[in-house]
N, C-alpha and C. Protein backbone atom coordinates (compact mmCIF):
# COMPACT_ATOMS: atom_id res chain seq x y z
N UNK A 1 -26.07 42.42 116.87
CA UNK A 1 -25.19 42.46 115.69
C UNK A 1 -25.94 42.96 114.48
N UNK A 2 -27.21 42.60 114.30
CA UNK A 2 -27.89 43.05 113.13
C UNK A 2 -28.49 44.38 113.27
N UNK A 3 -27.56 45.39 113.02
CA UNK A 3 -27.88 46.74 113.24
C UNK A 3 -28.67 47.34 112.06
N UNK A 4 -29.64 48.13 112.29
CA UNK A 4 -30.18 48.92 111.19
C UNK A 4 -29.31 49.59 110.35
N UNK A 5 -29.36 49.70 109.11
CA UNK A 5 -28.52 50.34 108.26
C UNK A 5 -29.23 51.55 107.49
N UNK A 6 -28.56 52.43 106.96
CA UNK A 6 -29.03 53.39 106.13
C UNK A 6 -29.11 53.02 104.62
N UNK A 7 -29.85 51.78 104.41
CA UNK A 7 -29.96 51.17 103.21
C UNK A 7 -31.35 50.46 103.19
N UNK A 8 -31.83 50.31 101.89
CA UNK A 8 -33.07 49.46 102.08
C UNK A 8 -32.90 48.09 102.58
N UNK A 9 -33.90 47.63 103.09
CA UNK A 9 -33.86 46.28 103.73
C UNK A 9 -33.66 45.30 102.67
N UNK A 10 -32.64 44.40 102.94
CA UNK A 10 -32.24 43.51 101.94
C UNK A 10 -32.89 42.01 102.31
N UNK A 11 -33.26 41.25 101.37
CA UNK A 11 -33.88 39.99 101.48
C UNK A 11 -32.70 38.92 101.69
N UNK A 12 -32.07 39.09 102.92
CA UNK A 12 -30.92 37.99 103.19
C UNK A 12 -31.33 36.64 103.66
N UNK A 13 -30.79 35.68 103.33
CA UNK A 13 -31.06 34.35 103.81
C UNK A 13 -30.02 34.03 104.95
N UNK A 14 -30.41 34.11 106.14
CA UNK A 14 -29.78 33.85 107.35
C UNK A 14 -30.00 32.50 107.96
N UNK A 15 -28.96 31.80 108.36
CA UNK A 15 -28.96 30.53 109.01
C UNK A 15 -28.25 30.49 110.29
N UNK A 16 -28.74 30.03 111.30
CA UNK A 16 -28.00 29.84 112.70
C UNK A 16 -27.41 28.41 112.66
N UNK A 17 -26.16 28.33 112.97
CA UNK A 17 -25.43 26.97 113.09
C UNK A 17 -24.81 27.11 114.56
N UNK A 18 -25.24 26.30 115.37
CA UNK A 18 -24.70 26.42 116.83
C UNK A 18 -24.92 27.94 117.32
N UNK A 19 -23.85 28.46 117.69
CA UNK A 19 -23.92 29.83 118.14
C UNK A 19 -23.55 30.94 117.08
N UNK A 20 -23.35 30.59 115.90
CA UNK A 20 -22.97 31.56 114.74
C UNK A 20 -24.11 31.68 113.75
N UNK A 21 -24.22 32.77 113.18
CA UNK A 21 -25.10 33.09 112.17
C UNK A 21 -24.37 33.23 110.86
N UNK A 22 -24.86 32.67 109.74
CA UNK A 22 -24.26 32.63 108.43
C UNK A 22 -25.40 33.29 107.47
N UNK A 23 -24.72 33.97 106.38
CA UNK A 23 -25.62 34.66 105.37
C UNK A 23 -25.23 33.97 104.05
N UNK A 24 -26.16 33.79 103.19
CA UNK A 24 -25.97 33.42 101.90
C UNK A 24 -25.53 34.50 100.91
N UNK A 25 -24.38 34.39 100.30
CA UNK A 25 -24.00 35.47 99.48
C UNK A 25 -24.37 35.03 98.02
N UNK A 26 -25.28 35.94 97.38
CA UNK A 26 -25.72 35.48 95.96
C UNK A 26 -24.64 35.85 94.99
N UNK A 27 -23.67 36.54 95.32
CA UNK A 27 -22.54 36.71 94.32
C UNK A 27 -21.46 35.61 94.45
N UNK A 28 -21.22 35.22 95.65
CA UNK A 28 -20.06 34.15 95.82
C UNK A 28 -20.76 32.83 95.75
N UNK A 29 -22.12 32.74 95.94
CA UNK A 29 -22.80 31.50 95.95
C UNK A 29 -22.30 30.51 97.01
N UNK A 30 -22.32 31.08 98.33
CA UNK A 30 -22.00 30.33 99.41
C UNK A 30 -22.27 31.04 100.78
N UNK A 31 -22.38 30.22 101.77
CA UNK A 31 -22.70 30.82 103.12
C UNK A 31 -21.39 31.25 103.76
N UNK A 32 -21.52 32.50 104.40
CA UNK A 32 -20.43 33.18 104.99
C UNK A 32 -20.81 33.48 106.45
N UNK A 33 -19.82 33.56 107.27
CA UNK A 33 -20.06 33.98 108.66
C UNK A 33 -20.53 35.35 108.55
N UNK A 34 -21.62 35.65 109.30
CA UNK A 34 -22.08 37.01 109.33
C UNK A 34 -21.35 37.95 110.31
N UNK A 35 -20.50 38.59 109.95
CA UNK A 35 -19.79 39.71 110.75
C UNK A 35 -20.40 41.00 110.35
N UNK A 36 -20.15 42.03 111.21
CA UNK A 36 -20.72 43.34 111.02
C UNK A 36 -20.44 43.89 109.51
N UNK A 37 -19.22 43.57 109.23
CA UNK A 37 -18.76 44.09 107.89
C UNK A 37 -19.55 43.23 106.81
N UNK A 38 -19.71 41.93 106.97
CA UNK A 38 -20.46 41.23 106.03
C UNK A 38 -21.84 41.61 105.86
N UNK A 39 -22.42 42.01 106.94
CA UNK A 39 -23.82 42.55 107.04
C UNK A 39 -23.90 43.71 106.18
N UNK A 40 -23.01 44.65 106.13
CA UNK A 40 -22.85 45.90 105.37
C UNK A 40 -22.86 45.34 103.91
N UNK A 41 -21.76 44.51 103.60
CA UNK A 41 -21.39 44.07 102.21
C UNK A 41 -22.71 43.43 101.55
N UNK A 42 -23.25 42.61 102.27
CA UNK A 42 -24.54 41.91 101.64
C UNK A 42 -25.58 42.95 101.35
N UNK A 43 -25.84 43.95 102.32
CA UNK A 43 -26.81 44.80 101.86
C UNK A 43 -26.44 45.71 100.83
N UNK A 44 -25.18 46.05 100.63
CA UNK A 44 -24.77 46.84 99.40
C UNK A 44 -25.02 46.09 98.11
N UNK A 45 -24.63 44.76 98.24
CA UNK A 45 -24.86 43.89 97.03
C UNK A 45 -26.22 43.87 96.68
N UNK A 46 -27.13 43.68 97.49
CA UNK A 46 -28.64 43.60 97.17
C UNK A 46 -28.97 45.02 96.74
N UNK A 47 -28.47 46.05 97.36
CA UNK A 47 -28.75 47.45 96.89
C UNK A 47 -28.42 47.57 95.49
N UNK A 48 -27.20 47.28 95.15
CA UNK A 48 -26.67 47.33 93.65
C UNK A 48 -27.71 46.60 92.76
N UNK A 49 -28.14 45.40 93.22
CA UNK A 49 -29.05 44.66 92.17
C UNK A 49 -30.51 45.17 92.20
N UNK A 50 -31.12 45.47 93.36
CA UNK A 50 -32.46 45.84 93.38
C UNK A 50 -32.65 47.34 93.02
N UNK A 51 -31.86 48.13 93.62
CA UNK A 51 -31.99 49.68 93.54
C UNK A 51 -31.36 50.28 92.36
N UNK A 52 -30.15 49.74 91.95
CA UNK A 52 -29.38 50.36 90.92
C UNK A 52 -29.45 49.39 89.67
N UNK A 53 -29.95 48.45 89.75
CA UNK A 53 -30.25 47.46 88.60
C UNK A 53 -28.89 46.93 87.89
N UNK A 54 -28.01 46.74 88.79
CA UNK A 54 -26.69 46.22 88.18
C UNK A 54 -26.88 44.79 88.09
N UNK A 55 -26.60 44.14 86.90
CA UNK A 55 -26.60 42.62 86.62
C UNK A 55 -25.70 41.96 87.69
N UNK A 56 -26.25 40.91 88.34
CA UNK A 56 -25.47 40.11 89.37
C UNK A 56 -24.15 39.72 88.76
N UNK A 57 -24.10 39.29 87.47
CA UNK A 57 -22.96 38.62 86.86
C UNK A 57 -21.85 39.79 86.73
N UNK A 58 -22.19 40.95 86.91
CA UNK A 58 -21.12 42.02 86.75
C UNK A 58 -20.56 42.50 88.09
N UNK A 59 -20.97 41.90 89.19
CA UNK A 59 -20.52 42.19 90.62
C UNK A 59 -19.49 41.03 91.14
N UNK A 60 -18.31 41.50 91.63
CA UNK A 60 -17.48 40.69 92.28
C UNK A 60 -17.31 40.94 93.73
N UNK A 61 -17.28 40.10 94.64
CA UNK A 61 -17.16 40.32 95.98
C UNK A 61 -15.90 39.73 96.57
N UNK A 62 -15.19 40.41 97.44
CA UNK A 62 -13.96 39.97 98.02
C UNK A 62 -12.89 39.70 96.81
N UNK A 63 -12.81 40.35 95.95
CA UNK A 63 -11.96 40.19 94.68
C UNK A 63 -10.50 40.44 95.01
N UNK A 64 -9.70 39.44 94.89
CA UNK A 64 -8.21 39.52 95.17
C UNK A 64 -7.50 40.32 94.02
N UNK A 65 -6.79 41.25 94.56
CA UNK A 65 -5.81 42.01 93.69
C UNK A 65 -4.47 42.01 94.37
N UNK A 66 -3.45 42.43 93.59
CA UNK A 66 -2.09 42.69 94.14
C UNK A 66 -1.82 44.18 94.09
N UNK A 67 -1.37 44.72 95.17
CA UNK A 67 -1.09 46.17 95.30
C UNK A 67 0.30 46.19 95.93
N UNK A 68 1.34 46.78 95.14
CA UNK A 68 2.70 46.90 95.69
C UNK A 68 3.17 45.46 96.19
N UNK A 69 2.87 44.50 95.43
CA UNK A 69 3.36 43.08 95.77
C UNK A 69 2.78 42.53 96.92
N UNK A 70 1.76 43.17 97.40
CA UNK A 70 0.89 42.56 98.55
C UNK A 70 -0.42 42.18 98.05
N UNK A 71 -1.01 41.09 98.55
CA UNK A 71 -2.07 40.58 98.23
C UNK A 71 -3.32 41.40 99.04
N UNK A 72 -4.30 41.86 98.35
CA UNK A 72 -5.35 42.68 98.90
C UNK A 72 -6.71 42.17 98.45
N UNK A 73 -7.87 42.56 99.11
CA UNK A 73 -9.16 42.18 98.56
C UNK A 73 -10.06 43.41 98.59
N UNK A 74 -10.68 43.50 97.42
CA UNK A 74 -11.64 44.57 97.23
C UNK A 74 -13.05 44.08 97.64
N UNK A 75 -13.74 44.85 98.49
CA UNK A 75 -14.98 44.34 99.09
C UNK A 75 -15.97 44.00 97.83
N UNK A 76 -16.16 45.04 97.11
CA UNK A 76 -17.01 44.88 95.89
C UNK A 76 -16.49 45.67 94.72
N UNK A 77 -16.60 44.98 93.56
CA UNK A 77 -16.08 45.56 92.31
C UNK A 77 -17.29 45.31 91.34
N UNK A 78 -17.70 46.43 90.65
CA UNK A 78 -18.69 46.25 89.61
C UNK A 78 -17.98 46.39 88.28
N UNK A 79 -18.23 45.60 87.27
CA UNK A 79 -17.66 45.59 85.97
C UNK A 79 -18.72 46.10 84.90
N UNK A 80 -18.13 46.63 83.85
CA UNK A 80 -18.89 46.91 82.52
C UNK A 80 -19.05 45.63 81.85
N UNK A 81 -19.95 45.74 80.88
CA UNK A 81 -20.14 44.55 80.01
C UNK A 81 -18.93 44.19 79.28
N UNK A 82 -17.98 45.20 79.19
CA UNK A 82 -16.70 44.84 78.44
C UNK A 82 -15.60 44.29 79.45
N UNK A 83 -16.13 43.85 80.64
CA UNK A 83 -15.25 43.31 81.78
C UNK A 83 -14.34 44.29 82.36
N UNK A 84 -14.43 45.61 82.03
CA UNK A 84 -13.52 46.56 82.68
C UNK A 84 -14.15 47.03 83.98
N UNK A 85 -13.25 47.05 85.01
CA UNK A 85 -13.96 47.55 86.30
C UNK A 85 -14.45 49.02 86.19
N UNK A 86 -15.51 49.29 86.83
CA UNK A 86 -16.11 50.64 86.80
C UNK A 86 -16.25 51.22 88.23
N UNK A 87 -16.40 50.38 89.21
CA UNK A 87 -16.70 50.88 90.60
C UNK A 87 -15.99 50.00 91.54
N UNK A 88 -15.47 50.63 92.57
CA UNK A 88 -14.97 49.92 93.72
C UNK A 88 -15.69 50.40 94.96
N UNK A 89 -16.15 49.48 95.79
CA UNK A 89 -16.87 49.82 96.89
C UNK A 89 -16.10 49.20 98.28
N UNK A 90 -15.81 50.02 99.10
CA UNK A 90 -15.11 49.50 100.38
C UNK A 90 -16.11 49.62 101.50
N UNK A 91 -16.34 48.30 102.06
CA UNK A 91 -17.37 48.17 103.18
C UNK A 91 -16.75 48.19 104.38
N UNK A 92 -17.06 48.75 105.44
CA UNK A 92 -16.73 48.73 106.77
C UNK A 92 -17.93 48.39 107.70
N UNK A 93 -17.61 47.78 108.78
CA UNK A 93 -18.59 47.63 109.83
C UNK A 93 -19.22 48.91 110.19
N UNK A 94 -20.47 48.95 110.73
CA UNK A 94 -21.14 50.14 111.07
C UNK A 94 -20.47 51.05 112.11
N UNK A 95 -19.55 50.33 113.03
CA UNK A 95 -18.97 51.11 114.03
C UNK A 95 -17.69 51.72 113.58
N UNK A 96 -17.40 51.37 112.30
CA UNK A 96 -15.99 51.94 111.83
C UNK A 96 -16.33 53.23 111.04
N UNK A 97 -15.78 54.28 111.38
CA UNK A 97 -15.87 55.53 110.74
C UNK A 97 -15.26 55.56 109.27
N UNK A 98 -15.94 56.26 108.40
CA UNK A 98 -15.31 56.46 107.07
C UNK A 98 -14.48 57.74 107.09
N UNK A 99 -13.16 57.33 107.18
CA UNK A 99 -12.10 58.41 107.50
C UNK A 99 -11.16 58.48 106.31
N UNK A 100 -10.19 59.22 106.38
CA UNK A 100 -8.99 59.41 105.29
C UNK A 100 -8.46 58.07 105.23
N UNK A 101 -8.26 57.31 106.27
CA UNK A 101 -7.62 56.07 106.23
C UNK A 101 -8.39 55.18 105.25
N UNK A 102 -9.62 55.17 105.27
CA UNK A 102 -10.55 54.29 104.38
C UNK A 102 -10.24 54.78 102.97
N UNK A 103 -10.37 56.07 102.77
CA UNK A 103 -10.10 56.73 101.41
C UNK A 103 -8.76 56.26 100.85
N UNK A 104 -7.71 56.28 101.69
CA UNK A 104 -6.53 55.83 101.20
C UNK A 104 -6.41 54.50 100.88
N UNK A 105 -7.09 53.60 101.55
CA UNK A 105 -7.21 52.15 101.27
C UNK A 105 -7.93 51.95 99.78
N UNK A 106 -9.05 52.53 99.61
CA UNK A 106 -9.65 52.29 98.30
C UNK A 106 -8.83 53.12 97.16
N UNK A 107 -8.31 54.05 97.59
CA UNK A 107 -7.37 54.69 96.49
C UNK A 107 -6.20 53.83 96.11
N UNK A 108 -5.70 53.05 96.92
CA UNK A 108 -4.52 52.08 96.71
C UNK A 108 -5.13 51.04 95.78
N UNK A 109 -6.40 50.53 95.91
CA UNK A 109 -6.99 49.52 95.11
C UNK A 109 -7.11 50.16 93.78
N UNK A 110 -7.48 51.49 93.76
CA UNK A 110 -7.73 52.09 92.43
C UNK A 110 -6.48 52.24 91.62
N UNK A 111 -5.42 52.30 92.16
CA UNK A 111 -4.11 52.33 91.38
C UNK A 111 -3.98 51.17 90.46
N UNK A 112 -4.49 49.99 91.10
CA UNK A 112 -4.51 48.74 90.27
C UNK A 112 -5.77 48.70 89.23
N UNK A 113 -6.95 49.09 89.67
CA UNK A 113 -8.16 48.80 88.84
C UNK A 113 -8.49 50.05 88.04
N UNK A 114 -8.08 51.22 88.30
CA UNK A 114 -8.31 52.48 87.55
C UNK A 114 -9.82 52.62 87.23
N UNK A 115 -10.69 52.65 88.15
CA UNK A 115 -12.06 52.92 87.97
C UNK A 115 -12.32 54.31 87.99
N UNK A 116 -13.58 54.74 87.59
CA UNK A 116 -13.98 56.24 87.70
C UNK A 116 -14.81 56.46 88.92
N UNK A 117 -15.41 55.38 89.47
CA UNK A 117 -16.36 55.60 90.61
C UNK A 117 -15.71 54.88 91.85
N UNK A 118 -15.95 55.43 92.92
CA UNK A 118 -15.61 54.94 94.19
C UNK A 118 -16.70 55.21 95.25
N UNK A 119 -16.96 54.14 96.09
CA UNK A 119 -17.80 54.39 97.22
C UNK A 119 -17.26 53.63 98.40
N UNK A 120 -17.37 54.50 99.67
CA UNK A 120 -17.05 53.95 100.87
C UNK A 120 -18.23 53.98 101.79
N UNK A 121 -18.51 52.88 102.45
CA UNK A 121 -19.72 52.84 103.35
C UNK A 121 -19.42 52.04 104.57
N UNK A 122 -20.14 52.44 105.67
CA UNK A 122 -20.18 51.52 106.92
C UNK A 122 -21.70 51.14 107.07
N UNK A 123 -22.47 51.34 106.03
CA UNK A 123 -23.88 51.05 106.12
C UNK A 123 -24.88 52.12 106.57
N UNK A 124 -24.08 53.00 107.36
CA UNK A 124 -24.74 54.28 107.98
C UNK A 124 -24.42 55.42 107.15
N UNK A 125 -23.22 55.57 106.87
CA UNK A 125 -22.68 56.65 106.21
C UNK A 125 -22.08 56.29 104.82
N UNK A 126 -22.47 56.87 103.63
CA UNK A 126 -21.92 56.55 102.34
C UNK A 126 -21.35 57.68 101.85
N UNK A 127 -20.12 57.43 101.27
CA UNK A 127 -19.36 58.52 100.45
C UNK A 127 -19.10 57.91 99.08
N UNK A 128 -19.69 58.74 98.07
CA UNK A 128 -19.55 58.26 96.67
C UNK A 128 -18.86 59.48 96.02
N UNK A 129 -17.91 58.99 95.12
CA UNK A 129 -17.18 59.98 94.26
C UNK A 129 -16.80 59.63 92.93
N UNK A 130 -16.77 60.39 92.05
CA UNK A 130 -16.36 60.24 90.68
C UNK A 130 -14.99 60.94 90.44
N UNK A 131 -14.20 60.28 89.73
CA UNK A 131 -12.82 60.82 89.43
C UNK A 131 -12.85 61.70 88.22
N UNK A 132 -12.57 62.91 88.38
CA UNK A 132 -12.39 63.88 87.15
C UNK A 132 -10.91 63.76 86.71
N UNK A 133 -10.55 62.93 85.82
CA UNK A 133 -9.03 62.89 85.51
C UNK A 133 -8.56 64.20 84.86
N UNK A 134 -9.34 64.71 84.05
CA UNK A 134 -8.85 66.02 83.34
C UNK A 134 -8.58 67.12 84.44
N UNK A 135 -9.32 67.34 85.42
CA UNK A 135 -9.14 68.23 86.52
C UNK A 135 -8.25 67.82 87.64
N UNK A 136 -7.99 66.42 87.73
CA UNK A 136 -7.25 65.80 88.80
C UNK A 136 -8.05 66.06 90.06
N UNK A 137 -9.40 65.77 90.03
CA UNK A 137 -10.24 66.12 91.19
C UNK A 137 -11.28 65.08 91.39
N UNK A 138 -11.82 65.01 92.61
CA UNK A 138 -12.96 64.18 93.01
C UNK A 138 -14.21 65.06 92.98
N UNK A 139 -15.32 64.47 92.40
CA UNK A 139 -16.65 65.03 92.49
C UNK A 139 -17.46 64.15 93.38
N UNK A 140 -17.83 64.73 94.43
CA UNK A 140 -18.70 63.82 95.45
C UNK A 140 -20.10 63.81 94.94
N UNK A 141 -20.67 62.71 95.07
CA UNK A 141 -22.13 62.46 94.45
C UNK A 141 -22.96 62.08 95.67
N UNK A 142 -24.31 62.42 95.48
CA UNK A 142 -25.27 62.07 96.47
C UNK A 142 -25.43 60.56 96.64
N UNK A 143 -25.35 59.92 95.44
CA UNK A 143 -25.63 58.47 95.40
C UNK A 143 -24.94 57.89 94.12
N UNK A 144 -25.01 56.57 94.10
CA UNK A 144 -24.68 56.01 92.81
C UNK A 144 -25.72 56.19 91.85
N UNK A 145 -25.15 56.27 90.48
CA UNK A 145 -26.13 56.23 89.36
C UNK A 145 -26.84 54.74 89.23
N UNK A 146 -28.01 54.92 88.58
CA UNK A 146 -28.55 53.77 88.28
C UNK A 146 -27.82 53.10 87.03
N UNK A 147 -27.74 51.78 86.95
CA UNK A 147 -27.02 51.02 85.91
C UNK A 147 -27.77 51.26 84.56
N UNK A 148 -27.03 51.68 83.65
CA UNK A 148 -27.47 51.88 82.32
C UNK A 148 -26.42 51.49 81.21
N UNK A 149 -26.13 50.15 81.21
CA UNK A 149 -25.07 49.70 80.40
C UNK A 149 -23.70 50.24 81.05
N UNK A 150 -23.68 50.52 82.17
CA UNK A 150 -22.53 51.04 82.87
C UNK A 150 -23.05 52.09 83.93
N UNK A 151 -22.08 52.52 84.75
CA UNK A 151 -22.50 53.35 85.78
C UNK A 151 -22.18 54.83 85.32
């Protein structure tokens, strides 16, 4: 289950209880069952903090939103210091391909949050894009920018 990812190694706190493994989420401040998707989500959270220098207080995990009167959860949302959402990250298990279906999912979330940066990842493949509203286009990026009072 603990598949190597295309991300820096994260200093995760894992605990085995009976036959299950749990991970401590530094954002939600609780232990969570370690699923393949949670493995990716926790690595991305640590990547944001250690590599991109995003303040932990500006990261939300599993954030509830309502889209078309349906309850949804964004895997990760990064906010600016003004509390405005800046980035949505959709995490999938490593065996789940990053497809148009995943893009459509994150696009629905963005109708509600209206951010300028989107990231989709399965821990192996990462797709990052910025939204160019003037040209009504997406610009694909190699990586997320480093935090500098915003992304």
